[in-house]
C-alpha atoms as a PDB file:
ATOM      1  CA  MET A   1     -87.955-104.781 187.118  1.00  0.00           C
ATOM      2  CA  ALA A   2     -91.771-105.669 186.928  1.00  0.00           C
ATOM      3  CA  LYS A   3     -92.930-106.719 183.444  1.00  0.00           C
ATOM      4  CA  ARG A   4     -96.436-104.717 182.328  1.00  0.00           C
ATOM      5  CA  LYS A   5     -99.238-106.706 181.789  1.00  0.00           C
ATOM      6  CA  THR A   6    -100.937-107.123 178.598  1.00  0.00           C
ATOM      7  CA  TYR A   7    -104.314-107.237 177.288  1.00  0.00           C
ATOM      8  CA  SER A   8    -105.692-108.621 174.238  1.00  0.00           C
ATOM      9  CA  LYS A   9    -107.817-106.731 171.981  1.00  0.00           C
ATOM     10  CA  GLU A  10    -110.629-108.305 172.474  1.00  0.00           C
ATOM     11  CA  TYR A  11    -110.931-107.969 176.356  1.00  0.00           C
ATOM     12  CA  LYS A  12    -109.920-104.023 175.907  1.00  0.00           C
ATOM     13  CA  ASP A  13    -112.827-103.616 173.687  1.00  0.00           C
ATOM     14  CA  GLU A  14    -115.338-105.799 176.010  1.00  0.00           C
ATOM     15  CA  ALA A  15    -114.100-103.274 178.920  1.00  0.00           C
ATOM     16  CA  VAL A  16    -114.673-100.285 176.363  1.00  0.00           C
ATOM     17  CA  LYS A  17    -118.078-101.493 175.587  1.00  0.00           C
ATOM     18  CA  LEU A  18    -118.796-101.912 179.498  1.00  0.00           C
ATOM     19  CA  VAL A  19    -118.492 -98.170 179.741  1.00  0.00           C
ATOM     20  CA  ARG A  20    -119.340 -96.655 176.346  1.00  0.00           C
ATOM     21  CA  GLU A  21    -122.362 -98.825 175.598  1.00  0.00           C
ATOM     22  CA  LEU A  22    -123.722 -99.875 179.062  1.00  0.00           C
ATOM     23  CA  GLY A  23    -123.081 -96.585 180.808  1.00  0.00           C
ATOM     24  CA  LYS A  24    -121.118 -98.248 183.760  1.00  0.00           C
ATOM     25  CA  PRO A  25    -119.204 -95.852 185.483  1.00  0.00           C
ATOM     26  CA  VAL A  26    -115.427 -95.958 184.380  1.00  0.00           C
ATOM     27  CA  ALA A  27    -114.371 -96.701 188.233  1.00  0.00           C
ATOM     28  CA  GLN A  28    -116.852 -99.365 188.539  1.00  0.00           C
ATOM     29  CA  ALA A  29    -116.064-101.446 185.483  1.00  0.00           C
ATOM     30  CA  ALA A  30    -112.393-100.891 186.502  1.00  0.00           C
ATOM     31  CA  GLN A  31    -112.843-102.073 189.974  1.00  0.00           C
ATOM     32  CA  ASP A  32    -115.213-105.099 188.364  1.00  0.00           C
ATOM     33  CA  LEU A  33    -112.551-105.839 185.787  1.00  0.00           C
ATOM     34  CA  GLY A  34    -109.628-105.436 188.368  1.00  0.00           C
ATOM     35  CA  ILE A  35    -107.716-102.926 186.320  1.00  0.00           C
ATOM     36  CA  THR A  36    -106.746 -99.452 187.377  1.00  0.00           C
ATOM     37  CA  GLN A  37    -109.415 -96.439 186.203  1.00  0.00           C
ATOM     38  CA  THR A  38    -106.320 -94.733 184.513  1.00  0.00           C
ATOM     39  CA  THR A  39    -106.058 -98.014 182.247  1.00  0.00           C
ATOM     40  CA  LEU A  40    -109.662 -98.076 181.314  1.00  0.00           C
ATOM     41  CA  ARG A  41    -110.080 -94.554 180.850  1.00  0.00           C
ATOM     42  CA  ASN A  42    -106.993 -94.713 178.411  1.00  0.00           C
ATOM     43  CA  TRP A  43    -108.648 -97.352 176.584  1.00  0.00           C
ATOM     44  CA  VAL A  44    -111.963 -95.526 176.219  1.00  0.00           C
ATOM     45  CA  LYS A  45    -109.922 -92.448 174.997  1.00  0.00           C
ATOM     46  CA  GLN A  46    -108.134 -94.589 172.608  1.00  0.00           C
ATOM     47  CA  TRP A  47    -111.421 -96.364 171.330  1.00  0.00           C
ATOM     48  CA  GLU A  48    -112.970 -92.677 170.886  1.00  0.00           C
ATOM     49  CA  ILE A  49    -109.677 -91.400 168.799  1.00  0.00           C
ATOM     50  CA  ASP A  50    -109.814 -94.732 166.546  1.00  0.00           C
ATOM     51  CA  HIS A  51    -113.638 -94.416 165.742  1.00  0.00           C
ATOM     52  CA  GLY A  52    -113.288 -90.330 164.939  1.00  0.00           C
ATOM     53  CA  LEU A  53    -114.616 -89.209 168.011  1.00  0.00           C
ATOM     54  CA  GLY A  54    -111.550 -87.693 169.758  1.00  0.00           C
ATOM     55  CA  SER A  55    -109.019 -85.092 168.757  1.00  0.00           C
ATOM     56  CA  ALA A  56    -108.061 -84.088 165.144  1.00  0.00           C
ATOM     57  CA  ASP A  57    -104.531 -84.377 165.999  1.00  0.00           C
ATOM     58  CA  ALA A  58    -104.517 -87.482 168.107  1.00  0.00           C
ATOM     59  CA  LEU A  59    -102.747 -90.684 166.615  1.00  0.00           C
ATOM     60  CA  THR A  60    -104.985 -93.884 166.251  1.00  0.00           C
ATOM     61  CA  THR A  61    -103.733 -97.221 167.042  1.00  0.00           C
ATOM     62  CA  GLU A  62    -102.834 -97.957 163.643  1.00  0.00           C
ATOM     63  CA  GLU A  63    -100.755 -94.871 163.184  1.00  0.00           C
ATOM     64  CA  LYS A  64     -99.220 -95.643 166.549  1.00  0.00           C
ATOM     65  CA  ILE A  65     -98.033 -99.051 165.595  1.00  0.00           C
ATOM     66  CA  GLU A  66     -96.511 -97.704 162.401  1.00  0.00           C
ATOM     67  CA  LEU A  67     -94.666 -94.926 164.250  1.00  0.00           C
ATOM     68  CA  ARG A  68     -93.006 -97.364 166.415  1.00  0.00           C
ATOM     69  CA  ARG A  69     -92.208 -99.210 163.577  1.00  0.00           C
ATOM     70  CA  LEU A  70     -90.534 -96.306 161.567  1.00  0.00           C
ATOM     71  CA  ARG A  71     -88.819 -95.285 164.674  1.00  0.00           C
ATOM     72  CA  ALA A  72     -87.192 -98.984 165.593  1.00  0.00           C
ATOM     73  CA  GLU A  73     -86.234 -98.978 161.669  1.00  0.00           C
ATOM     74  CA  VAL A  74     -84.594 -95.420 161.833  1.00  0.00           C
ATOM     75  CA  ARG A  75     -82.417 -96.524 165.080  1.00  0.00           C
ATOM     76  CA  GLN A  76     -81.301 -99.806 163.057  1.00  0.00           C
ATOM     77  CA  LEU A  77     -80.679 -97.670 160.026  1.00  0.00           C
ATOM     78  CA  LYS A  78     -78.920 -95.153 162.399  1.00  0.00           C
ATOM     79  CA  MET A  79     -76.385 -98.359 163.790  1.00  0.00           C
ATOM     80  CA  GLU A  80     -75.951 -99.770 160.381  1.00  0.00           C
ATOM     81  CA  ARG A  81     -74.701 -96.032 158.984  1.00  0.00           C
ATOM     82  CA  ASP A  82     -72.418 -95.628 161.894  1.00  0.00           C
ATOM     83  CA  PHE A  83     -70.688 -98.991 161.650  1.00  0.00           C
ATOM     84  CA  LEU A  84     -70.267 -98.632 158.101  1.00  0.00           C
ATOM     85  CA  LYS A  85     -68.944 -95.051 158.907  1.00  0.00           C
ATOM     86  CA  LYS A  86     -66.140 -96.844 161.475  1.00  0.00           C
ATOM     87  CA  ALA A  87     -65.535 -99.584 158.630  1.00  0.00           C
ATOM     88  CA  ALA A  88     -64.890 -96.916 156.172  1.00  0.00           C
ATOM     89  CA  ALA A  89     -62.249 -95.030 158.304  1.00  0.00           C
ATOM     90  CA  PHE A  90     -60.827 -98.347 159.350  1.00  0.00           C
ATOM     91  CA  PHE A  91     -60.074 -99.413 156.030  1.00  0.00           C
ATOM     92  CA  ALA A  92     -58.719 -95.909 154.965  1.00  0.00           C
ATOM     93  CA  LYS A  93     -56.380 -95.969 157.582  1.00  0.00           C
ATOM     94  CA  GLU A  94     -55.393 -99.449 156.754  1.00  0.00           C
ATOM     95  CA  GLY A  95     -54.516 -98.375 153.240  1.00  0.00           C
ATOM     96  CA  LYS A  96     -52.227 -95.981 153.885  1.00  0.00           C
END
């Protein structure tokens, strides 16, 4: 499976700046940077959300990070809970 390429925040900010501040078309900026138009469009859209220019119900970058962290924590807690249930059942059988 191919690993997704990641870009630094600074790189994304500069790419968005080409479109937002310098008025370069997304297609041209994406080609110049060697990324897909979809990727650049997503970065511009997320920048707009982060700066209060997107839809009201869209999640900011910080909210997405927090949501990811909370989901991972819930997964961990569920695994621990399931383990404890199994351990309690095992020790309940042993005590009989």
